[in-house]
């Protein structure tokens, strides 16, 4: 099997961190979204949505979408559990993963894609007002996470999970998106320092 990705892009990094937590090694192939590699006929056959990452299995079957790829590897290797351990735990992880992905991660991505001139050819039309509108949304999401983390070591509870991976990557992209973490978000800062020190964060 192999994973097709774009270096430094946020969604492929989420898969890299996930696999590092699992101790799973998969060969990677690089495609550069900045020069149109994802619009090639060859790549479009693999993923008509023209997005990375894409997992190509040995028999030629294809899985795209970040969380779908992670779920596949969770099924292959359940330990350590990154999607929860029982019905309630799995639902809790899913709840927080969705909150972080549709909230913080998406808001940061929209600000980056609509405000960074280098992204103009990928986000057509690029709407600066929409990018700016997402900045306070991201800040509000961080305030909510900070309050939640006052009573929880990790985002979905007592264990590190895919929700933490999504939030880690989102916060790492605050700088290029030109968004600041709230200065008084001490719980979020504590959590971020902890998860950033995990070996998988360097993946």
N, C-alpha and C. Protein backbone atom coordinates (compact mmCIF):
# COMPACT_ATOMS: atom_id res chain seq x y z
N UNK A 1 0.85 -1.20 0.00
CA UNK A 1 0.00 0.00 0.00
C UNK A 1 0.87 1.24 0.00
N UNK A 2 0.28 2.36 -0.31
CA UNK A 2 1.02 3.62 -0.33
C UNK A 2 0.06 4.77 -0.05
N UNK A 3 0.60 5.85 0.45
CA UNK A 3 -0.19 7.05 0.70
C UNK A 3 0.34 8.16 -0.19
N UNK A 4 -0.55 8.78 -0.92
CA UNK A 4 -0.20 9.93 -1.76
C UNK A 4 -0.53 11.18 -0.97
N UNK A 5 0.41 12.09 -0.87
CA UNK A 5 0.22 13.28 -0.05
C UNK A 5 0.93 14.47 -0.65
N UNK A 6 0.70 15.62 -0.04
CA UNK A 6 1.45 16.84 -0.35
C UNK A 6 2.22 17.23 0.90
N UNK A 7 3.53 17.41 0.79
CA UNK A 7 4.31 17.78 1.97
C UNK A 7 3.79 19.07 2.62
N UNK A 8 3.75 19.06 3.93
CA UNK A 8 3.41 20.23 4.74
C UNK A 8 1.92 20.59 4.74
N UNK A 9 1.10 19.91 3.93
CA UNK A 9 -0.34 20.19 3.94
C UNK A 9 -0.94 19.63 5.24
N UNK A 10 -1.95 20.28 5.79
CA UNK A 10 -2.46 19.87 7.11
C UNK A 10 -3.11 18.50 7.15
N UNK A 11 -3.94 18.15 6.16
CA UNK A 11 -4.63 16.86 6.24
C UNK A 11 -3.68 15.68 6.13
N UNK A 12 -2.74 15.68 5.18
CA UNK A 12 -1.76 14.59 5.19
C UNK A 12 -0.99 14.50 6.51
N UNK A 13 -0.72 15.64 7.13
CA UNK A 13 0.01 15.59 8.39
C UNK A 13 -0.81 14.90 9.47
N UNK A 14 -2.12 15.08 9.46
CA UNK A 14 -2.96 14.40 10.44
C UNK A 14 -2.79 12.89 10.32
N UNK A 15 -2.74 12.39 9.10
CA UNK A 15 -2.53 10.95 8.89
C UNK A 15 -1.14 10.55 9.36
N UNK A 16 -0.14 11.36 9.07
CA UNK A 16 1.22 11.04 9.50
C UNK A 16 1.31 10.92 11.03
N UNK A 17 0.70 11.88 11.72
CA UNK A 17 0.73 11.84 13.19
C UNK A 17 -0.01 10.61 13.69
N UNK A 18 -1.16 10.33 13.10
CA UNK A 18 -1.95 9.16 13.49
C UNK A 18 -1.13 7.88 13.34
N UNK A 19 -0.49 7.71 12.20
CA UNK A 19 0.29 6.50 11.96
C UNK A 19 1.50 6.43 12.88
N UNK A 20 2.09 7.57 13.18
CA UNK A 20 3.23 7.59 14.11
C UNK A 20 2.79 7.14 15.49
N UNK A 21 1.59 7.54 15.93
CA UNK A 21 1.07 7.08 17.21
C UNK A 21 0.87 5.56 17.21
N UNK A 22 0.48 5.03 16.07
CA UNK A 22 0.24 3.59 15.94
C UNK A 22 1.53 2.81 15.74
N UNK A 23 2.59 3.51 15.34
CA UNK A 23 3.82 2.81 15.01
C UNK A 23 3.74 2.09 13.68
N UNK A 24 2.92 2.61 12.77
CA UNK A 24 2.72 2.01 11.45
C UNK A 24 3.54 2.79 10.43
N UNK A 25 4.25 2.08 9.58
CA UNK A 25 5.04 2.69 8.52
C UNK A 25 4.42 2.35 7.17
N UNK A 26 4.15 3.38 6.37
CA UNK A 26 3.57 3.22 5.04
C UNK A 26 4.40 4.05 4.07
N UNK A 27 4.72 3.54 2.89
CA UNK A 27 5.44 4.36 1.91
C UNK A 27 4.59 5.55 1.46
N UNK A 28 5.25 6.68 1.22
CA UNK A 28 4.58 7.89 0.77
C UNK A 28 5.02 8.27 -0.63
N UNK A 29 4.08 8.78 -1.39
CA UNK A 29 4.38 9.40 -2.68
C UNK A 29 3.95 10.85 -2.61
N UNK A 30 4.76 11.72 -3.14
CA UNK A 30 4.50 13.15 -3.02
C UNK A 30 3.87 13.70 -4.30
N UNK A 31 2.88 14.56 -4.11
CA UNK A 31 2.29 15.34 -5.19
C UNK A 31 2.25 16.79 -4.73
N UNK A 32 2.59 17.70 -5.58
CA UNK A 32 2.65 19.12 -5.22
C UNK A 32 1.37 19.82 -5.67
N UNK A 33 0.50 20.11 -4.72
CA UNK A 33 -0.76 20.77 -5.07
C UNK A 33 -0.54 22.18 -5.60
N UNK A 34 0.60 22.78 -5.27
CA UNK A 34 0.85 24.15 -5.67
C UNK A 34 1.17 24.29 -7.16
N UNK A 35 1.50 23.17 -7.81
CA UNK A 35 1.81 23.24 -9.25
C UNK A 35 0.81 22.42 -10.07
N UNK A 36 -0.30 22.05 -9.45
CA UNK A 36 -1.37 21.39 -10.20
C UNK A 36 -1.30 19.88 -10.28
N UNK A 37 -0.42 19.25 -9.49
CA UNK A 37 -0.31 17.78 -9.55
C UNK A 37 -1.63 17.08 -9.25
N UNK A 38 -2.45 17.68 -8.38
CA UNK A 38 -3.69 17.01 -7.98
C UNK A 38 -4.77 17.09 -9.06
N UNK A 39 -4.53 17.89 -10.08
CA UNK A 39 -5.49 18.03 -11.17
C UNK A 39 -5.14 17.15 -12.37
N UNK A 40 -4.08 16.38 -12.25
CA UNK A 40 -3.69 15.50 -13.36
C UNK A 40 -4.74 14.42 -13.56
N UNK A 41 -4.80 13.87 -14.76
CA UNK A 41 -5.75 12.82 -15.06
C UNK A 41 -5.48 11.58 -14.21
N UNK A 42 -4.19 11.28 -14.00
CA UNK A 42 -3.82 10.10 -13.21
C UNK A 42 -4.31 10.22 -11.78
N UNK A 43 -4.10 11.39 -11.17
CA UNK A 43 -4.54 11.56 -9.78
C UNK A 43 -6.06 11.66 -9.69
N UNK A 44 -6.69 12.32 -10.63
CA UNK A 44 -8.14 12.48 -10.62
C UNK A 44 -8.84 11.13 -10.71
N UNK A 45 -8.23 10.17 -11.39
CA UNK A 45 -8.82 8.81 -11.42
C UNK A 45 -8.82 8.19 -10.03
N UNK A 46 -7.80 8.52 -9.25
CA UNK A 46 -7.74 7.99 -7.88
C UNK A 46 -8.71 8.71 -6.96
N UNK A 47 -8.78 10.03 -7.10
CA UNK A 47 -9.67 10.84 -6.26
C UNK A 47 -10.25 11.97 -7.08
N UNK A 48 -11.49 11.82 -7.57
CA UNK A 48 -12.11 12.86 -8.38
C UNK A 48 -12.24 14.20 -7.66
N UNK A 49 -12.17 14.20 -6.32
CA UNK A 49 -12.24 15.45 -5.56
C UNK A 49 -10.91 16.19 -5.56
N UNK A 50 -9.86 15.54 -6.08
CA UNK A 50 -8.55 16.17 -6.24
C UNK A 50 -8.00 16.73 -4.93
N UNK A 51 -8.04 15.87 -3.91
CA UNK A 51 -7.54 16.26 -2.59
C UNK A 51 -6.63 15.16 -2.06
N UNK A 52 -5.72 15.55 -1.22
CA UNK A 52 -4.86 14.59 -0.51
C UNK A 52 -5.20 14.65 0.98
N UNK A 53 -4.93 13.53 1.70
CA UNK A 53 -4.22 12.32 1.30
C UNK A 53 -5.12 11.30 0.62
N UNK A 54 -4.46 10.36 -0.07
CA UNK A 54 -5.14 9.22 -0.69
C UNK A 54 -4.36 7.96 -0.33
N UNK A 55 -5.06 6.96 0.15
CA UNK A 55 -4.46 5.67 0.46
C UNK A 55 -4.78 4.70 -0.67
N UNK A 56 -3.75 4.13 -1.29
CA UNK A 56 -3.93 3.15 -2.36
C UNK A 56 -3.51 1.79 -1.80
N UNK A 57 -4.44 0.85 -1.74
CA UNK A 57 -4.16 -0.47 -1.21
C UNK A 57 -3.44 -1.33 -2.24
N UNK A 58 -2.88 -2.44 -1.78
CA UNK A 58 -2.11 -3.30 -2.67
C UNK A 58 -2.93 -3.87 -3.81
N UNK A 59 -4.25 -4.02 -3.59
CA UNK A 59 -5.10 -4.56 -4.65
C UNK A 59 -5.68 -3.48 -5.55
N UNK A 60 -5.24 -2.22 -5.33
CA UNK A 60 -5.67 -1.12 -6.19
C UNK A 60 -6.85 -0.33 -5.67
N UNK A 61 -7.52 -0.84 -4.64
CA UNK A 61 -8.62 -0.07 -4.07
C UNK A 61 -8.09 1.20 -3.41
N UNK A 62 -8.95 2.22 -3.36
CA UNK A 62 -8.52 3.55 -2.93
C UNK A 62 -9.42 4.05 -1.80
N UNK A 63 -8.80 4.65 -0.80
CA UNK A 63 -9.53 5.34 0.27
C UNK A 63 -8.99 6.75 0.34
N UNK A 64 -9.88 7.72 0.26
CA UNK A 64 -9.48 9.11 0.47
C UNK A 64 -10.27 9.66 1.65
N UNK A 65 -9.97 10.89 2.03
CA UNK A 65 -10.49 11.58 3.20
C UNK A 65 -9.69 11.15 4.44
N UNK A 66 -9.21 12.13 5.13
CA UNK A 66 -8.28 11.93 6.24
C UNK A 66 -8.81 10.97 7.31
N UNK A 67 -9.99 11.23 7.82
CA UNK A 67 -10.51 10.41 8.92
C UNK A 67 -10.84 9.01 8.44
N UNK A 68 -11.29 8.86 7.19
CA UNK A 68 -11.56 7.53 6.66
C UNK A 68 -10.28 6.70 6.60
N UNK A 69 -9.19 7.31 6.19
CA UNK A 69 -7.91 6.61 6.16
C UNK A 69 -7.49 6.21 7.57
N UNK A 70 -7.65 7.12 8.51
CA UNK A 70 -7.29 6.81 9.90
C UNK A 70 -8.16 5.69 10.45
N UNK A 71 -9.44 5.70 10.14
CA UNK A 71 -10.32 4.63 10.62
C UNK A 71 -9.90 3.27 10.04
N UNK A 72 -9.46 3.25 8.80
CA UNK A 72 -9.00 2.01 8.19
C UNK A 72 -7.85 1.43 9.00
N UNK A 73 -6.88 2.27 9.34
CA UNK A 73 -5.73 1.77 10.10
C UNK A 73 -6.11 1.43 11.54
N UNK A 74 -7.11 2.11 12.09
CA UNK A 74 -7.59 1.76 13.43
C UNK A 74 -8.18 0.36 13.43
N UNK A 75 -8.88 0.01 12.35
CA UNK A 75 -9.45 -1.33 12.24
C UNK A 75 -8.35 -2.38 12.09
N UNK A 76 -7.31 -2.05 11.33
CA UNK A 76 -6.21 -3.00 11.15
C UNK A 76 -5.42 -3.19 12.43
N UNK A 77 -5.23 -2.09 13.16
CA UNK A 77 -4.41 -2.14 14.38
C UNK A 77 -5.09 -1.32 15.47
N UNK A 78 -5.94 -1.93 16.27
CA UNK A 78 -6.73 -1.17 17.26
C UNK A 78 -5.93 -0.52 18.37
N UNK A 79 -4.74 -1.03 18.66
CA UNK A 79 -3.96 -0.48 19.77
C UNK A 79 -2.77 0.34 19.24
N UNK A 80 -2.53 1.48 19.86
CA UNK A 80 -3.33 2.12 20.90
C UNK A 80 -4.61 2.69 20.29
N UNK A 81 -5.70 2.68 21.04
CA UNK A 81 -6.98 3.15 20.50
C UNK A 81 -7.01 4.67 20.35
N UNK A 82 -7.22 5.14 19.14
CA UNK A 82 -7.29 6.58 18.89
C UNK A 82 -8.70 7.03 18.50
N UNK A 83 -9.63 6.07 18.45
CA UNK A 83 -11.04 6.39 18.17
C UNK A 83 -11.94 5.95 19.33
N UNK A 84 -11.35 5.61 20.48
CA UNK A 84 -12.15 5.20 21.62
C UNK A 84 -12.10 3.70 21.84
N UNK A 85 -12.64 3.27 22.99
CA UNK A 85 -12.53 1.86 23.39
C UNK A 85 -13.87 1.15 23.56
N UNK A 86 -14.93 1.87 23.86
CA UNK A 86 -16.26 1.26 23.98
C UNK A 86 -17.26 2.20 23.33
N UNK A 87 -18.54 1.85 23.40
CA UNK A 87 -19.55 2.62 22.67
C UNK A 87 -19.56 4.09 23.08
N UNK A 88 -19.55 4.35 24.39
CA UNK A 88 -19.60 5.73 24.85
C UNK A 88 -18.31 6.46 24.51
N UNK A 89 -17.18 5.80 24.71
CA UNK A 89 -15.89 6.43 24.44
C UNK A 89 -15.74 6.75 22.96
N UNK A 90 -16.14 5.82 22.09
CA UNK A 90 -16.04 6.08 20.65
C UNK A 90 -16.95 7.23 20.24
N UNK A 91 -18.14 7.29 20.81
CA UNK A 91 -19.04 8.41 20.50
C UNK A 91 -18.48 9.73 21.00
N UNK A 92 -17.84 9.71 22.15
CA UNK A 92 -17.25 10.93 22.70
C UNK A 92 -16.10 11.42 21.82
N UNK A 93 -15.25 10.49 21.39
CA UNK A 93 -14.15 10.88 20.50
C UNK A 93 -14.71 11.44 19.20
N UNK A 94 -15.73 10.79 18.65
CA UNK A 94 -16.33 11.28 17.40
C UNK A 94 -16.92 12.68 17.59
N UNK A 95 -17.58 12.89 18.72
CA UNK A 95 -18.17 14.20 19.00
C UNK A 95 -17.11 15.29 18.99
N UNK A 96 -16.01 15.05 19.72
CA UNK A 96 -14.98 16.08 19.80
C UNK A 96 -14.18 16.21 18.52
N UNK A 97 -13.97 15.10 17.83
CA UNK A 97 -13.31 15.17 16.53
C UNK A 97 -14.12 16.04 15.57
N UNK A 98 -15.42 15.86 15.55
CA UNK A 98 -16.28 16.67 14.67
C UNK A 98 -16.26 18.14 15.10
N UNK A 99 -16.33 18.39 16.40
CA UNK A 99 -16.31 19.77 16.88
C UNK A 99 -15.01 20.47 16.49
N UNK A 100 -13.91 19.77 16.66
CA UNK A 100 -12.62 20.39 16.35
C UNK A 100 -12.42 20.55 14.84
N UNK A 101 -12.83 19.53 14.08
CA UNK A 101 -12.62 19.58 12.63
C UNK A 101 -13.52 20.61 11.95
N UNK A 102 -14.82 20.56 12.27
CA UNK A 102 -15.76 21.49 11.63
C UNK A 102 -15.65 22.89 12.22
N UNK A 103 -15.13 22.98 13.43
CA UNK A 103 -14.95 24.28 14.07
C UNK A 103 -13.55 24.80 13.85
N UNK A 104 -12.67 24.58 14.79
CA UNK A 104 -11.34 25.19 14.75
C UNK A 104 -10.57 24.88 13.46
N UNK A 105 -10.43 23.62 13.11
CA UNK A 105 -9.63 23.25 11.94
C UNK A 105 -10.16 23.91 10.68
N UNK A 106 -11.46 23.85 10.47
CA UNK A 106 -12.05 24.44 9.27
C UNK A 106 -11.92 25.96 9.25
N UNK A 107 -12.11 26.60 10.39
CA UNK A 107 -12.00 28.06 10.43
C UNK A 107 -10.58 28.51 10.09
N UNK A 108 -9.59 27.82 10.64
CA UNK A 108 -8.20 28.15 10.34
C UNK A 108 -7.91 27.93 8.86
N UNK A 109 -8.40 26.82 8.32
CA UNK A 109 -8.18 26.53 6.90
C UNK A 109 -8.80 27.58 6.01
N UNK A 110 -10.01 28.02 6.34
CA UNK A 110 -10.67 29.03 5.52
C UNK A 110 -9.92 30.36 5.55
N UNK A 111 -9.42 30.74 6.71
CA UNK A 111 -8.64 31.97 6.80
C UNK A 111 -7.38 31.85 5.95
N UNK A 112 -6.70 30.73 6.05
CA UNK A 112 -5.46 30.54 5.30
C UNK A 112 -5.73 30.53 3.80
N UNK A 113 -6.71 29.78 3.36
CA UNK A 113 -6.95 29.62 1.93
C UNK A 113 -7.48 30.89 1.28
N UNK A 114 -8.19 31.71 2.04
CA UNK A 114 -8.78 32.91 1.44
C UNK A 114 -7.95 34.17 1.63
N UNK A 115 -6.91 34.10 2.47
CA UNK A 115 -6.12 35.31 2.72
C UNK A 115 -4.68 35.20 2.23
N UNK A 116 -4.18 34.00 2.05
CA UNK A 116 -2.80 33.83 1.60
C UNK A 116 -2.74 33.92 0.08
N UNK A 117 -2.01 34.89 -0.47
CA UNK A 117 -1.95 35.05 -1.93
C UNK A 117 -1.46 33.79 -2.65
N UNK A 118 -0.61 32.99 -1.98
CA UNK A 118 -0.09 31.79 -2.61
C UNK A 118 -1.17 30.72 -2.82
N UNK A 119 -2.30 30.88 -2.13
CA UNK A 119 -3.38 29.90 -2.24
C UNK A 119 -4.45 30.31 -3.24
N UNK A 120 -4.25 31.44 -3.90
CA UNK A 120 -5.30 31.99 -4.76
C UNK A 120 -5.71 31.04 -5.87
N UNK A 121 -4.75 30.30 -6.43
CA UNK A 121 -5.09 29.39 -7.53
C UNK A 121 -5.80 28.14 -7.04
N UNK A 122 -5.79 27.89 -5.73
CA UNK A 122 -6.47 26.73 -5.17
C UNK A 122 -7.86 27.09 -4.66
N UNK A 123 -8.07 28.33 -4.30
CA UNK A 123 -9.35 28.79 -3.75
C UNK A 123 -9.91 29.84 -4.70
N UNK A 124 -10.75 29.38 -5.63
CA UNK A 124 -11.29 30.27 -6.66
C UNK A 124 -12.81 30.33 -6.53
N UNK A 125 -13.39 31.52 -6.21
CA UNK A 125 -12.66 32.76 -5.99
C UNK A 125 -12.13 32.85 -4.55
N UNK A 126 -11.03 33.54 -4.40
CA UNK A 126 -10.50 33.82 -3.07
C UNK A 126 -11.21 35.06 -2.53
N UNK A 127 -11.88 34.92 -1.40
CA UNK A 127 -12.70 36.00 -0.84
C UNK A 127 -12.10 36.45 0.48
N UNK A 128 -11.40 37.57 0.45
CA UNK A 128 -10.68 38.04 1.64
C UNK A 128 -11.62 38.27 2.82
N UNK A 129 -12.80 38.80 2.54
CA UNK A 129 -13.74 39.07 3.63
C UNK A 129 -14.14 37.79 4.35
N UNK A 130 -14.27 36.71 3.58
CA UNK A 130 -14.61 35.42 4.20
C UNK A 130 -13.43 34.92 5.04
N UNK A 131 -12.24 35.10 4.53
CA UNK A 131 -11.08 34.71 5.31
C UNK A 131 -11.01 35.44 6.64
N UNK A 132 -11.23 36.73 6.60
CA UNK A 132 -11.21 37.54 7.82
C UNK A 132 -12.34 37.15 8.76
N UNK A 133 -13.49 36.80 8.20
CA UNK A 133 -14.64 36.43 9.03
C UNK A 133 -14.38 35.15 9.82
N UNK A 134 -13.50 34.30 9.32
CA UNK A 134 -13.21 33.04 10.00
C UNK A 134 -12.22 33.19 11.15
N UNK A 135 -11.47 34.28 11.18
CA UNK A 135 -10.51 34.47 12.26
C UNK A 135 -11.17 34.54 13.63
N UNK A 136 -12.18 35.38 13.84
CA UNK A 136 -12.83 35.39 15.17
C UNK A 136 -13.53 34.08 15.48
N UNK A 137 -13.99 33.35 14.46
CA UNK A 137 -14.60 32.04 14.69
C UNK A 137 -13.56 31.07 15.26
N UNK A 138 -12.36 31.11 14.70
CA UNK A 138 -11.28 30.26 15.21
C UNK A 138 -10.92 30.64 16.64
N UNK A 139 -10.87 31.93 16.91
CA UNK A 139 -10.54 32.39 18.26
C UNK A 139 -11.61 31.96 19.26
N UNK A 140 -12.88 32.04 18.86
CA UNK A 140 -13.97 31.61 19.74
C UNK A 140 -13.90 30.10 20.00
N UNK A 141 -13.53 29.34 18.97
CA UNK A 141 -13.39 27.90 19.15
C UNK A 141 -12.29 27.58 20.14
N UNK A 142 -11.19 28.34 20.09
CA UNK A 142 -10.11 28.12 21.04
C UNK A 142 -10.53 28.48 22.47
N UNK A 143 -11.34 29.51 22.63
CA UNK A 143 -11.85 29.86 23.96
C UNK A 143 -12.69 28.72 24.51
N UNK A 144 -13.53 28.13 23.66
CA UNK A 144 -14.35 26.99 24.11
C UNK A 144 -13.49 25.79 24.47
N UNK A 145 -12.48 25.51 23.66
CA UNK A 145 -11.59 24.40 23.97
C UNK A 145 -10.82 24.65 25.26
N UNK A 146 -10.41 25.88 25.48
CA UNK A 146 -9.69 26.21 26.71
C UNK A 146 -10.56 25.92 27.93
N UNK A 147 -11.82 26.29 27.87
CA UNK A 147 -12.72 26.03 28.99
C UNK A 147 -12.89 24.53 29.20
N UNK A 148 -13.03 23.79 28.13
CA UNK A 148 -13.20 22.34 28.23
C UNK A 148 -11.96 21.68 28.83
N UNK A 149 -10.79 22.14 28.40
CA UNK A 149 -9.54 21.52 28.85
C UNK A 149 -9.19 21.85 30.30
N UNK A 150 -9.97 22.71 30.93
CA UNK A 150 -9.76 22.97 32.36
C UNK A 150 -10.05 21.73 33.19
N UNK A 151 -10.86 20.81 32.65
CA UNK A 151 -11.23 19.61 33.41
C UNK A 151 -10.90 18.32 32.66
N UNK A 152 -10.11 18.42 31.60
CA UNK A 152 -9.81 17.24 30.80
C UNK A 152 -8.37 17.30 30.32
N UNK A 153 -7.58 16.24 30.51
CA UNK A 153 -6.19 16.28 30.06
C UNK A 153 -6.06 16.29 28.55
N UNK A 154 -6.98 15.61 27.87
CA UNK A 154 -7.00 15.60 26.42
C UNK A 154 -8.38 16.03 25.93
N UNK A 155 -8.51 16.26 24.65
CA UNK A 155 -9.74 16.86 24.15
C UNK A 155 -10.95 15.94 24.33
N UNK A 156 -10.76 14.64 24.12
CA UNK A 156 -11.90 13.72 24.26
C UNK A 156 -11.90 12.97 25.58
N UNK A 157 -11.09 13.41 26.54
CA UNK A 157 -11.11 12.75 27.84
C UNK A 157 -9.74 12.42 28.37
N UNK A 158 -9.60 11.22 28.91
CA UNK A 158 -8.38 10.82 29.60
C UNK A 158 -7.28 10.32 28.68
N UNK A 159 -7.62 10.02 27.42
CA UNK A 159 -6.63 9.48 26.50
C UNK A 159 -6.49 10.35 25.27
N UNK A 160 -5.28 10.34 24.73
CA UNK A 160 -4.98 11.00 23.46
C UNK A 160 -5.78 10.32 22.35
N UNK A 161 -6.33 11.12 21.42
CA UNK A 161 -7.17 10.56 20.37
C UNK A 161 -7.01 11.36 19.09
N UNK A 162 -7.74 10.95 18.07
CA UNK A 162 -7.71 11.65 16.80
C UNK A 162 -8.20 13.10 16.95
N UNK A 163 -9.02 13.37 17.96
CA UNK A 163 -9.45 14.75 18.20
C UNK A 163 -8.27 15.64 18.56
N UNK A 164 -7.34 15.10 19.33
CA UNK A 164 -6.13 15.85 19.68
C UNK A 164 -5.25 16.07 18.46
N UNK A 165 -5.18 15.07 17.58
CA UNK A 165 -4.38 15.21 16.36
C UNK A 165 -4.93 16.34 15.50
N UNK A 166 -6.23 16.36 15.31
CA UNK A 166 -6.86 17.40 14.49
C UNK A 166 -6.62 18.79 15.09
N UNK A 167 -6.77 18.90 16.41
CA UNK A 167 -6.57 20.19 17.06
C UNK A 167 -5.10 20.62 17.01
N UNK A 168 -4.18 19.67 17.21
CA UNK A 168 -2.76 19.99 17.14
C UNK A 168 -2.39 20.58 15.78
N UNK A 169 -2.83 19.93 14.72
CA UNK A 169 -2.50 20.40 13.37
C UNK A 169 -3.15 21.76 13.10
N UNK A 170 -4.38 21.93 13.57
CA UNK A 170 -5.05 23.23 13.40
C UNK A 170 -4.26 24.35 14.07
N UNK A 171 -3.82 24.11 15.29
CA UNK A 171 -3.10 25.16 16.02
C UNK A 171 -1.73 25.41 15.41
N UNK A 172 -1.11 24.37 14.88
CA UNK A 172 0.16 24.58 14.20
C UNK A 172 0.01 25.45 12.96
N UNK A 173 -1.19 25.51 12.41
CA UNK A 173 -1.43 26.34 11.23
C UNK A 173 -1.98 27.72 11.57
N UNK A 174 -2.03 28.06 12.85
CA UNK A 174 -2.45 29.42 13.22
C UNK A 174 -1.50 30.47 12.65
N UNK A 175 -0.20 30.18 12.72
CA UNK A 175 0.78 31.17 12.28
C UNK A 175 0.65 31.52 10.81
N UNK A 176 0.66 30.54 9.89
CA UNK A 176 0.48 30.92 8.48
C UNK A 176 -0.88 31.52 8.18
N UNK A 177 -1.89 31.19 9.01
CA UNK A 177 -3.21 31.79 8.83
C UNK A 177 -3.32 33.17 9.48
N UNK A 178 -2.26 33.55 10.21
CA UNK A 178 -2.21 34.85 10.89
C UNK A 178 -3.34 35.00 11.91
N UNK A 179 -3.48 33.95 12.72
CA UNK A 179 -4.45 33.94 13.81
C UNK A 179 -3.67 33.71 15.10
N UNK A 180 -4.03 34.42 16.15
CA UNK A 180 -3.33 34.28 17.42
C UNK A 180 -4.15 33.44 18.40
N UNK A 181 -3.45 32.63 19.17
CA UNK A 181 -4.12 31.92 20.26
C UNK A 181 -4.47 32.95 21.33
N UNK A 182 -5.66 32.88 21.92
CA UNK A 182 -6.02 33.83 22.99
C UNK A 182 -4.97 33.84 24.09
N UNK A 183 -4.57 35.03 24.51
CA UNK A 183 -3.46 35.17 25.44
C UNK A 183 -3.73 34.51 26.80
N UNK A 184 -5.00 34.42 27.18
CA UNK A 184 -5.33 33.86 28.50
C UNK A 184 -5.79 32.40 28.44
N UNK A 185 -5.54 31.74 27.31
CA UNK A 185 -5.99 30.35 27.14
C UNK A 185 -4.97 29.40 27.77
N UNK A 186 -4.82 29.46 29.07
CA UNK A 186 -3.78 28.70 29.76
C UNK A 186 -3.98 27.20 29.65
N UNK A 187 -5.22 26.74 29.68
CA UNK A 187 -5.48 25.30 29.59
C UNK A 187 -5.14 24.78 28.19
N UNK A 188 -5.50 25.56 27.19
CA UNK A 188 -5.18 25.20 25.82
C UNK A 188 -3.66 25.19 25.60
N UNK A 189 -2.99 26.17 26.19
CA UNK A 189 -1.53 26.23 26.08
C UNK A 189 -0.88 25.02 26.75
N UNK A 190 -1.40 24.63 27.92
CA UNK A 190 -0.88 23.45 28.61
C UNK A 190 -1.05 22.21 27.76
N UNK A 191 -2.26 22.04 27.23
CA UNK A 191 -2.53 20.89 26.36
C UNK A 191 -1.61 20.91 25.14
N UNK A 192 -1.48 22.06 24.50
CA UNK A 192 -0.67 22.16 23.29
C UNK A 192 0.79 21.82 23.58
N UNK A 193 1.31 22.29 24.70
CA UNK A 193 2.69 21.97 25.07
C UNK A 193 2.85 20.47 25.26
N UNK A 194 1.86 19.83 25.89
CA UNK A 194 1.93 18.39 26.15
C UNK A 194 1.91 17.59 24.85
N UNK A 195 0.94 17.88 23.97
CA UNK A 195 0.82 17.07 22.77
C UNK A 195 1.94 17.37 21.77
N UNK A 196 2.48 18.57 21.81
CA UNK A 196 3.59 18.91 20.92
C UNK A 196 4.87 18.17 21.27
N UNK A 197 4.97 17.71 22.52
CA UNK A 197 6.15 16.98 22.95
C UNK A 197 6.09 15.49 22.64
N UNK A 198 4.96 15.02 22.20
CA UNK A 198 4.85 13.60 21.83
C UNK A 198 5.70 13.36 20.58
N UNK A 199 6.40 12.25 20.50
CA UNK A 199 7.23 11.98 19.32
C UNK A 199 6.45 12.05 18.00
N UNK A 200 5.17 11.67 18.04
CA UNK A 200 4.37 11.67 16.81
C UNK A 200 4.17 13.06 16.25
N UNK A 201 4.29 14.09 17.07
CA UNK A 201 4.06 15.47 16.60
C UNK A 201 5.08 15.88 15.57
N UNK A 202 6.21 15.20 15.53
CA UNK A 202 7.25 15.54 14.56
C UNK A 202 7.05 14.83 13.22
N UNK A 203 5.99 14.02 13.12
CA UNK A 203 5.78 13.24 11.89
C UNK A 203 5.48 14.16 10.70
